[in-house]
Amino acid sequence: MITTVTLNAAIDKTCVIPNFHKSGLFRVEQTVSDAGGKGINVARVITLLGGHVMSTGFVAGSQGQTIINCLSDQCIPNDFIYANGESRLCLTILDPTSSQDQTEILEAGPLIAAEQLSALYHKVADLAKQSSIVVLSGSLPRGCPSDTYAELIRIIRENGAKAVLDTSGDPLAQGVDALPYLIKPNEHEIGKILGNEPRTDDEIIIAIRTLMDKGIHAVVVSLGERGAIAGWGGSIYSVKAPAIDAVNPVGCGDSMVAGIVTAIERGNDAHTALRLGAACGTANALQMRAGVIDMEHLKTLLEQVSVERLQAE
């Protein structure tokens, strides 16, 4: 089983508004809404891939109940802790007249009390005992200290599961020190971890090797449309995905993580895991909803993804 942890779950609403800009009256052309937050997106794609997943974290208020209802309707097993306040709404506005025009408006979410955080630590410990992998994704809600992910990684490792971390800022830097099995920063985030942003692919590879030398098994650095450079068990890989006309890029990184961890749980090698991850990320970009893939698209994309080993261990 794979467990995903979403500490700042949300209702994700995407609106299509032609010619959107600051100030004015606009009419929405199309709207989709779903349970969201990075870990929930990961869980949804794992489910679509046929994997066995459990989703946990924090929800709050009536919007939190809507999140739970959505997950249940999508047959995604879940075991969330209820917090005080209200789960957040995250609004994405897409302008079809400009492929580069995307606006995101994110609410803060609930304030987590100390006893609720303690309850989460105990729940993750129990789920880690039943899981091969625990995925920690997304931002921290108010009330969670910046070392929350670091503490969760220690708990996960102590209970025999692999920890996967996908976040940013101080939570990422402190989480790295706890040595998760896999991290998925982008090229800017890996620079913040090491204090020196890489400017070339060679510098990215040096940064990846620095993190692997610390004891992190896999470091997947996403490069947007350029694909990814990954370190895995000491080897370095270049990952190239096909060019597409993206519909909505939100959730592509989460979908990539879902493909990678699904392959790991199946016992696949690095080459297969990176290929499935890249194909899932690209397939998600063809959808309006975050954390959704079409299996026919995925089959086609799997044939078009290129994974090349650049350097051996």
C-alpha atoms as a PDB file:
ATOM      1  CA  MET A   1       0.000   0.000   0.000  1.00  0.00           C
ATOM      2  CA  ILE A   2       1.008   3.606  -0.612  1.00  0.00           C
ATOM      3  CA  THR A   3      -0.081   6.283   1.870  1.00  0.00           C
ATOM      4  CA  THR A   4      -0.322   9.916   0.792  1.00  0.00           C
ATOM      5  CA  VAL A   5      -0.294  12.744   3.350  1.00  0.00           C
ATOM      6  CA  THR A   6      -1.996  16.055   2.516  1.00  0.00           C
ATOM      7  CA  LEU A   7      -1.667  18.469   5.417  1.00  0.00           C
ATOM      8  CA  ASN A   8      -3.351  21.373   3.606  1.00  0.00           C
ATOM      9  CA  ALA A   9      -6.147  19.666   1.658  1.00  0.00           C
ATOM     10  CA  ALA A  10      -8.336  21.822  -0.545  1.00  0.00           C
ATOM     11  CA  ILE A  11     -11.230  22.073  -2.914  1.00  0.00           C
ATOM     12  CA  ASP A  12      -9.604  22.770  -6.275  1.00  0.00           C
ATOM     13  CA  LYS A  13     -11.784  24.826  -8.612  1.00  0.00           C
ATOM     14  CA  THR A  14     -10.647  25.587 -12.152  1.00  0.00           C
ATOM     15  CA  CYS A  15     -12.423  28.256 -14.204  1.00  0.00           C
ATOM     16  CA  VAL A  16     -11.953  28.989 -17.889  1.00  0.00           C
ATOM     17  CA  ILE A  17     -12.333  32.739 -18.510  1.00  0.00           C
ATOM     18  CA  PRO A  18     -11.382  34.126 -21.939  1.00  0.00           C
ATOM     19  CA  ASN A  19      -9.394  37.384 -21.966  1.00  0.00           C
ATOM     20  CA  PHE A  20      -9.087  37.445 -18.175  1.00  0.00           C
ATOM     21  CA  HIS A  21      -7.140  40.358 -16.704  1.00  0.00           C
ATOM     22  CA  LYS A  22      -6.964  42.494 -13.588  1.00  0.00           C
ATOM     23  CA  SER A  23     -10.141  44.530 -12.883  1.00  0.00           C
ATOM     24  CA  GLY A  24     -13.412  44.078 -14.723  1.00  0.00           C
ATOM     25  CA  LEU A  25     -16.455  41.821 -15.003  1.00  0.00           C
ATOM     26  CA  PHE A  26     -15.891  38.337 -16.468  1.00  0.00           C
ATOM     27  CA  ARG A  27     -18.173  35.402 -17.205  1.00  0.00           C
ATOM     28  CA  VAL A  28     -16.929  31.886 -16.608  1.00  0.00           C
ATOM     29  CA  GLU A  29     -16.979  29.710 -19.718  1.00  0.00           C
ATOM     30  CA  GLN A  30     -16.310  26.388 -17.954  1.00  0.00           C
ATOM     31  CA  THR A  31     -15.800  25.231 -14.368  1.00  0.00           C
ATOM     32  CA  VAL A  32     -14.536  21.989 -12.808  1.00  0.00           C
ATOM     33  CA  SER A  33     -14.196  21.296  -9.094  1.00  0.00           C
ATOM     34  CA  ASP A  34     -12.560  18.443  -7.207  1.00  0.00           C
ATOM     35  CA  ALA A  35     -10.904  17.399  -3.960  1.00  0.00           C
ATOM     36  CA  GLY A  36      -7.354  18.714  -4.086  1.00  0.00           C
ATOM     37  CA  GLY A  37      -4.069  19.349  -2.405  1.00  0.00           C
ATOM     38  CA  LYS A  38      -0.900  17.741  -3.730  1.00  0.00           C
ATOM     39  CA  GLY A  39      -1.150  14.476  -1.800  1.00  0.00           C
ATOM     40  CA  ILE A  40      -4.773  13.989  -2.828  1.00  0.00           C
ATOM     41  CA  ASN A  41      -3.781  14.510  -6.468  1.00  0.00           C
ATOM     42  CA  VAL A  42      -1.109  11.830  -6.009  1.00  0.00           C
ATOM     43  CA  ALA A  43      -3.643   9.456  -4.452  1.00  0.00           C
ATOM     44  CA  ARG A  44      -6.132   9.951  -7.292  1.00  0.00           C
ATOM     45  CA  VAL A  45      -3.576   9.117  -9.987  1.00  0.00           C
ATOM     46  CA  ILE A  46      -2.324   6.065  -8.050  1.00  0.00           C
ATOM     47  CA  THR A  47      -5.949   4.862  -7.928  1.00  0.00           C
ATOM     48  CA  LEU A  48      -6.372   5.414 -11.683  1.00  0.00           C
ATOM     49  CA  LEU A  49      -3.189   3.367 -12.211  1.00  0.00           C
ATOM     50  CA  GLY A  50      -4.720   0.507 -10.234  1.00  0.00           C
ATOM     51  CA  GLY A  51      -2.616   0.976  -7.112  1.00  0.00           C
ATOM     52  CA  HIS A  52      -3.659   0.454  -3.499  1.00  0.00           C
ATOM     53  CA  VAL A  53      -3.601   3.805  -1.685  1.00  0.00           C
ATOM     54  CA  MET A  54      -4.686   5.431   1.586  1.00  0.00           C
ATOM     55  CA  SER A  55      -5.060   9.221   1.795  1.00  0.00           C
ATOM     56  CA  THR A  56      -4.660  11.065   5.101  1.00  0.00           C
ATOM     57  CA  GLY A  57      -3.909  14.524   6.487  1.00  0.00           C
ATOM     58  CA  PHE A  58      -6.096  17.345   7.796  1.00  0.00           C
ATOM     59  CA  VAL A  59      -9.540  18.563   6.723  1.00  0.00           C
ATOM     60  CA  ALA A  60     -11.814  21.112   8.386  1.00  0.00           C
ATOM     61  CA  GLY A  61     -15.355  22.468   8.239  1.00  0.00           C
ATOM     62  CA  SER A  62     -17.964  22.011   5.525  1.00  0.00           C
ATOM     63  CA  GLN A  63     -15.364  22.251   2.769  1.00  0.00           C
ATOM     64  CA  GLY A  64     -13.429  19.496   4.509  1.00  0.00           C
ATOM     65  CA  GLN A  65     -16.528  17.304   4.442  1.00  0.00           C
ATOM     66  CA  THR A  66     -16.903  18.045   0.731  1.00  0.00           C
ATOM     67  CA  ILE A  67     -13.307  16.857   0.227  1.00  0.00           C
ATOM     68  CA  ILE A  68     -14.070  13.594   2.039  1.00  0.00           C
ATOM     69  CA  ASN A  69     -17.253  13.103   0.003  1.00  0.00           C
ATOM     70  CA  CYS A  70     -15.324  13.625  -3.249  1.00  0.00           C
ATOM     71  CA  LEU A  71     -12.701  11.063  -2.264  1.00  0.00           C
ATOM     72  CA  SER A  72     -15.355   8.538  -1.283  1.00  0.00           C
ATOM     73  CA  ASP A  73     -17.186   9.090  -4.588  1.00  0.00           C
ATOM     74  CA  GLN A  74     -13.899   8.410  -6.414  1.00  0.00           C
ATOM     75  CA  CYS A  75     -13.294   5.216  -4.379  1.00  0.00           C
ATOM     76  CA  ILE A  76     -10.135   6.632  -2.779  1.00  0.00           C
ATOM     77  CA  PRO A  77      -9.759   5.214   0.763  1.00  0.00           C
ATOM     78  CA  ASN A  78      -9.146   7.990   3.271  1.00  0.00           C
ATOM     79  CA  ASP A  79      -8.564   8.530   6.983  1.00  0.00           C
ATOM     80  CA  PHE A  80      -8.259  12.251   7.699  1.00  0.00           C
ATOM     81  CA  ILE A  81      -8.027  14.130  10.986  1.00  0.00           C
ATOM     82  CA  TYR A  82     -10.560  16.921  11.470  1.00  0.00           C
ATOM     83  CA  ALA A  83      -9.110  20.294  12.444  1.00  0.00           C
ATOM     84  CA  ASN A  84     -10.765  23.506  13.563  1.00  0.00           C
ATOM     85  CA  GLY A  85     -11.764  26.131  11.007  1.00  0.00           C
ATOM     86  CA  GLU A  86     -12.292  25.538   7.303  1.00  0.00           C
ATOM     87  CA  SER A  87     -10.361  23.712   4.599  1.00  0.00           C
ATOM     88  CA  ARG A  88      -9.181  25.997   1.844  1.00  0.00           C
ATOM     89  CA  LEU A  89     -10.490  26.716  -1.633  1.00  0.00           C
ATOM     90  CA  CYS A  90      -7.859  26.963  -4.373  1.00  0.00           C
ATOM     91  CA  LEU A  91      -9.001  28.746  -7.523  1.00  0.00           C
ATOM     92  CA  THR A  92      -7.192  28.428 -10.858  1.00  0.00           C
ATOM     93  CA  ILE A  93      -8.204  30.730 -13.704  1.00  0.00           C
ATOM     94  CA  LEU A  94      -7.233  29.629 -17.207  1.00  0.00           C
ATOM     95  CA  ASP A  95      -7.385  31.985 -20.172  1.00  0.00           C
ATOM     96  CA  PRO A  96      -7.795  29.981 -23.421  1.00  0.00           C
ATOM     97  CA  THR A  97      -6.738  33.023 -25.457  1.00  0.00           C
ATOM     98  CA  SER A  98      -3.234  32.786 -23.957  1.00  0.00           C
ATOM     99  CA  SER A  99      -1.533  29.438 -23.386  1.00  0.00           C
ATOM    100  CA  GLN A 100       0.771  31.035 -20.792  1.00  0.00           C
ATOM    101  CA  ASP A 101      -1.936  32.881 -18.822  1.00  0.00           C
ATOM    102  CA  GLN A 102      -2.759  31.097 -15.578  1.00  0.00           C
ATOM    103  CA  THR A 103      -3.834  32.722 -12.315  1.00  0.00           C
ATOM    104  CA  GLU A 104      -3.944  30.873  -8.973  1.00  0.00           C
ATOM    105  CA  ILE A 105      -5.722  32.189  -5.861  1.00  0.00           C
ATOM    106  CA  LEU A 106      -5.048  30.071  -2.760  1.00  0.00           C
ATOM    107  CA  GLU A 107      -6.776  30.373   0.615  1.00  0.00           C
ATOM    108  CA  ALA A 108      -4.768  29.767   3.800  1.00  0.00           C
ATOM    109  CA  GLY A 109      -6.692  26.812   5.241  1.00  0.00           C
ATOM    110  CA  PRO A 110      -7.225  25.816   8.885  1.00  0.00           C
ATOM    111  CA  LEU A 111      -5.059  26.503  11.945  1.00  0.00           C
ATOM    112  CA  ILE A 112      -3.734  23.189  13.279  1.00  0.00           C
ATOM    113  CA  ALA A 113      -3.645  22.722  17.056  1.00  0.00           C
ATOM    114  CA  ALA A 114      -0.805  20.927  18.831  1.00  0.00           C
ATOM    115  CA  GLU A 115      -3.015  17.972  19.794  1.00  0.00           C
ATOM    116  CA  GLN A 116      -4.150  17.565  16.181  1.00  0.00           C
ATOM    117  CA  LEU A 117      -0.555  17.497  14.950  1.00  0.00           C
ATOM    118  CA  SER A 118       0.264  14.883  17.599  1.00  0.00           C
ATOM    119  CA  ALA A 119      -2.699  12.796  16.412  1.00  0.00           C
ATOM    120  CA  LEU A 120      -1.365  13.025  12.853  1.00  0.00           C
ATOM    121  CA  TYR A 121       2.060  11.761  13.929  1.00  0.00           C
ATOM    122  CA  HIS A 122       0.448   8.722  15.544  1.00  0.00           C
ATOM    123  CA  LYS A 123      -1.769   8.074  12.506  1.00  0.00           C
ATOM    124  CA  VAL A 124       1.148   8.272  10.054  1.00  0.00           C
ATOM    125  CA  ALA A 125       3.159   5.894  12.267  1.00  0.00           C
ATOM    126  CA  ASP A 126       0.312   3.361  12.112  1.00  0.00           C
ATOM    127  CA  LEU A 127      -0.141   3.748   8.356  1.00  0.00           C
ATOM    128  CA  ALA A 128       3.608   3.516   7.692  1.00  0.00           C
ATOM    129  CA  LYS A 129       3.601   0.065   9.305  1.00  0.00           C
ATOM    130  CA  GLN A 130       1.051  -1.016   6.667  1.00  0.00           C
ATOM    131  CA  SER A 131       2.674   0.786   3.723  1.00  0.00           C
ATOM    132  CA  SER A 132       5.715   0.352   1.512  1.00  0.00           C
ATOM    133  CA  ILE A 133       5.787   4.082   0.672  1.00  0.00           C
ATOM    134  CA  VAL A 134       4.454   7.236   2.354  1.00  0.00           C
ATOM    135  CA  VAL A 135       4.248  10.364   0.178  1.00  0.00           C
ATOM    136  CA  LEU A 136       4.437  13.774   1.870  1.00  0.00           C
ATOM    137  CA  SER A 137       3.250  16.515  -0.477  1.00  0.00           C
ATOM    138  CA  GLY A 138       2.419  20.189  -0.480  1.00  0.00           C
ATOM    139  CA  SER A 139       2.476  23.189   1.801  1.00  0.00           C
ATOM    140  CA  LEU A 140       2.144  23.175   5.570  1.00  0.00           C
ATOM    141  CA  PRO A 141      -1.012  24.634   7.097  1.00  0.00           C
ATOM    142  CA  ARG A 142      -0.852  27.275   9.802  1.00  0.00           C
ATOM    143  CA  GLY A 143       0.156  25.819  13.169  1.00  0.00           C
ATOM    144  CA  CYS A 144       2.542  23.222  11.711  1.00  0.00           C
ATOM    145  CA  PRO A 145       6.211  24.067  12.389  1.00  0.00           C
ATOM    146  CA  SER A 146       8.642  24.066   9.478  1.00  0.00           C
ATOM    147  CA  ASP A 147      10.200  20.782  10.681  1.00  0.00           C
ATOM    148  CA  THR A 148       6.871  18.903  10.469  1.00  0.00           C
ATOM    149  CA  TYR A 149       7.912  16.953   7.386  1.00  0.00           C
ATOM    150  CA  ALA A 150      11.313  16.178   8.906  1.00  0.00           C
ATOM    151  CA  GLU A 151       9.574  14.669  11.940  1.00  0.00           C
ATOM    152  CA  LEU A 152       7.193  12.705   9.720  1.00  0.00           C
ATOM    153  CA  ILE A 153      10.112  11.335   7.674  1.00  0.00           C
ATOM    154  CA  ARG A 154      11.769  10.080  10.865  1.00  0.00           C
ATOM    155  CA  ILE A 155       8.492   8.443  11.912  1.00  0.00           C
ATOM    156  CA  ILE A 156       8.028   6.817   8.505  1.00  0.00           C
ATOM    157  CA  ARG A 157      11.566   5.442   8.416  1.00  0.00           C
ATOM    158  CA  GLU A 158      11.304   4.105  11.968  1.00  0.00           C
ATOM    159  CA  ASN A 159       8.181   2.184  10.949  1.00  0.00           C
ATOM    160  CA  GLY A 160       9.716   0.545   7.904  1.00  0.00           C
ATOM    161  CA  ALA A 161       8.372   2.532   4.945  1.00  0.00           C
ATOM    162  CA  LYS A 162      10.070   4.680   2.295  1.00  0.00           C
ATOM    163  CA  ALA A 163       9.387   8.428   2.659  1.00  0.00           C
ATOM    164  CA  VAL A 164       8.861  10.528  -0.475  1.00  0.00           C
ATOM    165  CA  LEU A 165       8.924  14.319  -0.093  1.00  0.00           C
ATOM    166  CA  ASP A 166       7.540  16.926  -2.514  1.00  0.00           C
ATOM    167  CA  THR A 167       7.407  20.392  -0.981  1.00  0.00           C
ATOM    168  CA  SER A 168       9.402  23.640  -1.021  1.00  0.00           C
ATOM    169  CA  GLY A 169      11.143  26.258   1.147  1.00  0.00           C
ATOM    170  CA  ASP A 170      12.202  25.543   4.734  1.00  0.00           C
ATOM    171  CA  PRO A 171      10.013  22.394   5.027  1.00  0.00           C
ATOM    172  CA  LEU A 172      11.942  20.935   2.069  1.00  0.00           C
ATOM    173  CA  ALA A 173      15.364  21.965   3.393  1.00  0.00           C
ATOM    174  CA  GLN A 174      14.665  20.519   6.843  1.00  0.00           C
ATOM    175  CA  GLY A 175      13.007  17.454   5.360  1.00  0.00           C
ATOM    176  CA  VAL A 176      16.112  16.717   3.279  1.00  0.00           C
ATOM    177  CA  ASP A 177      18.173  16.579   6.479  1.00  0.00           C
ATOM    178  CA  ALA A 178      15.899  13.736   7.691  1.00  0.00           C
ATOM    179  CA  LEU A 179      16.925  11.736   4.573  1.00  0.00           C
ATOM    180  CA  PRO A 180      13.747  10.737   2.720  1.00  0.00           C
ATOM    181  CA  TYR A 181      14.027   7.982   0.127  1.00  0.00           C
ATOM    182  CA  LEU A 182      13.075  10.294  -2.759  1.00  0.00           C
ATOM    183  CA  ILE A 183      12.580  14.029  -3.297  1.00  0.00           C
ATOM    184  CA  LYS A 184      11.200  15.888  -6.327  1.00  0.00           C
ATOM    185  CA  PRO A 185      12.368  19.512  -6.303  1.00  0.00           C
ATOM    186  CA  ASN A 186      12.440  21.757  -9.337  1.00  0.00           C
ATOM    187  CA  GLU A 187      15.667  23.443 -10.457  1.00  0.00           C
ATOM    188  CA  HIS A 188      15.000  26.507  -8.291  1.00  0.00           C
ATOM    189  CA  GLU A 189      14.136  24.498  -5.173  1.00  0.00           C
ATOM    190  CA  ILE A 190      17.255  22.345  -5.380  1.00  0.00           C
ATOM    191  CA  GLY A 191      19.293  25.549  -5.415  1.00  0.00           C
ATOM    192  CA  LYS A 192      17.586  26.786  -2.272  1.00  0.00           C
ATOM    193  CA  ILE A 193      18.388  23.498  -0.521  1.00  0.00           C
ATOM    194  CA  LEU A 194      22.089  23.825  -1.278  1.00  0.00           C
ATOM    195  CA  GLY A 195      22.353  27.620  -1.218  1.00  0.00           C
ATOM    196  CA  ASN A 196      23.545  27.903  -4.813  1.00  0.00           C
ATOM    197  CA  GLU A 197      21.037  27.747  -7.674  1.00  0.00           C
ATOM    198  CA  PRO A 198      22.359  25.670 -10.599  1.00  0.00           C
ATOM    199  CA  ARG A 199      22.523  27.458 -13.951  1.00  0.00           C
ATOM    200  CA  THR A 200      23.333  24.512 -16.239  1.00  0.00           C
ATOM    201  CA  ASP A 201      22.431  20.838 -16.466  1.00  0.00           C
ATOM    202  CA  ASP A 202      25.947  19.938 -15.331  1.00  0.00           C
ATOM    203  CA  GLU A 203      25.448  22.020 -12.184  1.00  0.00           C
ATOM    204  CA  ILE A 204      22.085  20.309 -11.595  1.00  0.00           C
ATOM    205  CA  ILE A 205      23.854  16.938 -11.782  1.00  0.00           C
ATOM    206  CA  ILE A 206      26.447  18.114  -9.244  1.00  0.00           C
ATOM    207  CA  ALA A 207      23.618  19.221  -6.930  1.00  0.00           C
ATOM    208  CA  ILE A 208      21.861  15.868  -7.345  1.00  0.00           C
ATOM    209  CA  ARG A 209      25.051  13.978  -6.499  1.00  0.00           C
ATOM    210  CA  THR A 210      25.556  16.151  -3.412  1.00  0.00           C
ATOM    211  CA  LEU A 211      22.101  15.157  -2.153  1.00  0.00           C
ATOM    212  CA  MET A 212      22.588  11.478  -2.998  1.00  0.00           C
ATOM    213  CA  ASP A 213      25.901  11.533  -1.137  1.00  0.00           C
ATOM    214  CA  LYS A 214      23.967  12.701   1.942  1.00  0.00           C
ATOM    215  CA  GLY A 215      21.961   9.462   1.811  1.00  0.00           C
ATOM    216  CA  ILE A 216      18.914  10.270  -0.348  1.00  0.00           C
ATOM    217  CA  HIS A 217      18.366   7.380  -2.743  1.00  0.00           C
ATOM    218  CA  ALA A 218      16.578   9.272  -5.540  1.00  0.00           C
ATOM    219  CA  VAL A 219      16.499  12.961  -6.501  1.00  0.00           C
ATOM    220  CA  VAL A 220      14.191  13.866  -9.397  1.00  0.00           C
ATOM    221  CA  VAL A 221      14.634  17.481 -10.524  1.00  0.00           C
ATOM    222  CA  SER A 222      11.711  18.581 -12.681  1.00  0.00           C
ATOM    223  CA  LEU A 223      12.550  21.021 -15.477  1.00  0.00           C
ATOM    224  CA  GLY A 224       9.066  21.830 -16.772  1.00  0.00           C
ATOM    225  CA  GLU A 225       8.722  21.361 -20.517  1.00  0.00           C
ATOM    226  CA  ARG A 226      12.372  20.200 -20.669  1.00  0.00           C
ATOM    227  CA  GLY A 227      11.525  17.067 -18.686  1.00  0.00           C
ATOM    228  CA  ALA A 228      13.712  16.128 -15.724  1.00  0.00           C
ATOM    229  CA  ILE A 229      17.181  15.142 -14.599  1.00  0.00           C
ATOM    230  CA  ALA A 230      17.194  12.408 -11.992  1.00  0.00           C
ATOM    231  CA  GLY A 231      19.666  10.751  -9.699  1.00  0.00           C
ATOM    232  CA  TRP A 232      18.744   7.217  -8.697  1.00  0.00           C
ATOM    233  CA  GLY A 233      20.895   4.879  -6.650  1.00  0.00           C
ATOM    234  CA  GLY A 234      24.031   6.717  -7.750  1.00  0.00           C
ATOM    235  CA  SER A 235      23.226   6.856 -11.489  1.00  0.00           C
ATOM    236  CA  ILE A 236      22.105   9.966 -13.392  1.00  0.00           C
ATOM    237  CA  TYR A 237      19.238   9.930 -15.913  1.00  0.00           C
ATOM    238  CA  SER A 238      17.851  12.392 -18.431  1.00  0.00           C
ATOM    239  CA  VAL A 239      14.064  12.256 -18.852  1.00  0.00           C
ATOM    240  CA  LYS A 240      12.401  13.788 -21.918  1.00  0.00           C
ATOM    241  CA  ALA A 241       8.635  13.964 -22.427  1.00  0.00           C
ATOM    242  CA  PRO A 242       6.918  14.732 -25.755  1.00  0.00           C
ATOM    243  CA  ALA A 243       5.789  18.268 -26.570  1.00  0.00           C
ATOM    244  CA  ILE A 244       2.051  18.781 -26.092  1.00  0.00           C
ATOM    245  CA  ASP A 245      -0.522  21.566 -26.089  1.00  0.00           C
ATOM    246  CA  ALA A 246      -1.167  21.684 -22.343  1.00  0.00           C
ATOM    247  CA  VAL A 247      -4.704  22.297 -21.109  1.00  0.00           C
ATOM    248  CA  ASN A 248      -3.878  22.804 -17.421  1.00  0.00           C
ATOM    249  CA  PRO A 249      -0.400  22.314 -15.876  1.00  0.00           C
ATOM    250  CA  VAL A 250      -1.703  22.207 -12.288  1.00  0.00           C
ATOM    251  CA  GLY A 251      -1.109  18.766 -10.777  1.00  0.00           C
ATOM    252  CA  CYS A 252       1.503  17.600 -13.307  1.00  0.00           C
ATOM    253  CA  GLY A 253       4.214  17.266 -10.662  1.00  0.00           C
ATOM    254  CA  ASP A 254       1.845  15.350  -8.395  1.00  0.00           C
ATOM    255  CA  SER A 255       0.938  13.018 -11.249  1.00  0.00           C
ATOM    256  CA  MET A 256       4.632  12.455 -11.922  1.00  0.00           C
ATOM    257  CA  VAL A 257       5.171  11.502  -8.283  1.00  0.00           C
ATOM    258  CA  ALA A 258       2.193   9.126  -8.482  1.00  0.00           C
ATOM    259  CA  GLY A 259       3.643   7.334 -11.481  1.00  0.00           C
ATOM    260  CA  ILE A 260       7.070   7.029  -9.888  1.00  0.00           C
ATOM    261  CA  VAL A 261       5.858   5.644  -6.553  1.00  0.00           C
ATOM    262  CA  THR A 262       3.425   3.251  -8.247  1.00  0.00           C
ATOM    263  CA  ALA A 263       6.324   1.824 -10.239  1.00  0.00           C
ATOM    264  CA  ILE A 264       8.506   1.583  -7.122  1.00  0.00           C
ATOM    265  CA  GLU A 265       5.804  -0.346  -5.270  1.00  0.00           C
ATOM    266  CA  ARG A 266       5.499  -2.711  -8.224  1.00  0.00           C
ATOM    267  CA  GLY A 267       9.222  -3.437  -7.959  1.00  0.00           C
ATOM    268  CA  ASN A 268      10.134  -1.704 -11.227  1.00  0.00           C
ATOM    269  CA  ASP A 269      13.601  -0.292 -11.921  1.00  0.00           C
ATOM    270  CA  ALA A 270      14.569   3.394 -12.138  1.00  0.00           C
ATOM    271  CA  HIS A 271      14.157   3.494 -15.920  1.00  0.00           C
ATOM    272  CA  THR A 272      10.560   2.229 -15.738  1.00  0.00           C
ATOM    273  CA  ALA A 273       9.667   4.425 -12.756  1.00  0.00           C
ATOM    274  CA  LEU A 274      10.931   7.591 -14.436  1.00  0.00           C
ATOM    275  CA  ARG A 275       9.185   6.732 -17.692  1.00  0.00           C
ATOM    276  CA  LEU A 276       5.839   6.147 -15.975  1.00  0.00           C
ATOM    277  CA  GLY A 277       6.284   9.295 -13.895  1.00  0.00           C
ATOM    278  CA  ALA A 278       6.984  11.491 -16.917  1.00  0.00           C
ATOM    279  CA  ALA A 279       4.102   9.987 -18.884  1.00  0.00           C
ATOM    280  CA  CYS A 280       1.669  10.540 -16.005  1.00  0.00           C
ATOM    281  CA  GLY A 281       2.783  14.137 -15.575  1.00  0.00           C
ATOM    282  CA  THR A 282       2.327  14.820 -19.281  1.00  0.00           C
ATOM    283  CA  ALA A 283      -1.043  13.027 -19.391  1.00  0.00           C
ATOM    284  CA  ASN A 284      -2.302  15.193 -16.540  1.00  0.00           C
ATOM    285  CA  ALA A 285      -1.431  18.371 -18.484  1.00  0.00           C
ATOM    286  CA  LEU A 286      -3.966  17.287 -21.127  1.00  0.00           C
ATOM    287  CA  GLN A 287      -6.803  17.391 -18.556  1.00  0.00           C
ATOM    288  CA  MET A 288      -8.764  20.262 -17.035  1.00  0.00           C
ATOM    289  CA  ARG A 289      -8.693  18.633 -13.586  1.00  0.00           C
ATOM    290  CA  ALA A 290      -5.530  18.297 -11.517  1.00  0.00           C
ATOM    291  CA  GLY A 291      -4.480  14.772 -10.620  1.00  0.00           C
ATOM    292  CA  VAL A 292      -6.373  13.085 -13.453  1.00  0.00           C
ATOM    293  CA  ILE A 293      -5.034  11.042 -16.370  1.00  0.00           C
ATOM    294  CA  ASP A 294      -6.649   9.342 -19.340  1.00  0.00           C
ATOM    295  CA  MET A 295      -5.319   5.797 -19.720  1.00  0.00           C
ATOM    296  CA  GLU A 296      -5.387   5.899 -23.534  1.00  0.00           C
ATOM    297  CA  HIS A 297      -3.333   9.096 -23.484  1.00  0.00           C
ATOM    298  CA  LEU A 298      -0.974   7.427 -21.007  1.00  0.00           C
ATOM    299  CA  LYS A 299      -0.364   4.419 -23.257  1.00  0.00           C
ATOM    300  CA  THR A 300       0.566   6.678 -26.158  1.00  0.00           C
ATOM    301  CA  LEU A 301       2.779   8.929 -24.041  1.00  0.00           C
ATOM    302  CA  LEU A 302       4.656   5.979 -22.499  1.00  0.00           C
ATOM    303  CA  GLU A 303       5.938   5.141 -25.986  1.00  0.00           C
ATOM    304  CA  GLN A 304       7.123   8.727 -26.499  1.00  0.00           C
ATOM    305  CA  VAL A 305       8.945   9.339 -23.217  1.00  0.00           C
ATOM    306  CA  SER A 306      12.727   9.029 -23.424  1.00  0.00           C
ATOM    307  CA  VAL A 307      14.820   7.972 -20.405  1.00  0.00           C
ATOM    308  CA  GLU A 308      18.599   7.907 -20.928  1.00  0.00           C
ATOM    309  CA  ARG A 309      21.239   7.019 -18.366  1.00  0.00           C
ATOM    310  CA  LEU A 310      23.876   9.753 -18.550  1.00  0.00           C
ATOM    311  CA  GLN A 311      26.219   8.535 -15.823  1.00  0.00           C
ATOM    312  CA  ALA A 312      26.566   5.199 -14.066  1.00  0.00           C
ATOM    313  CA  GLU A 313      26.940   4.831 -10.320  1.00  0.00           C
END
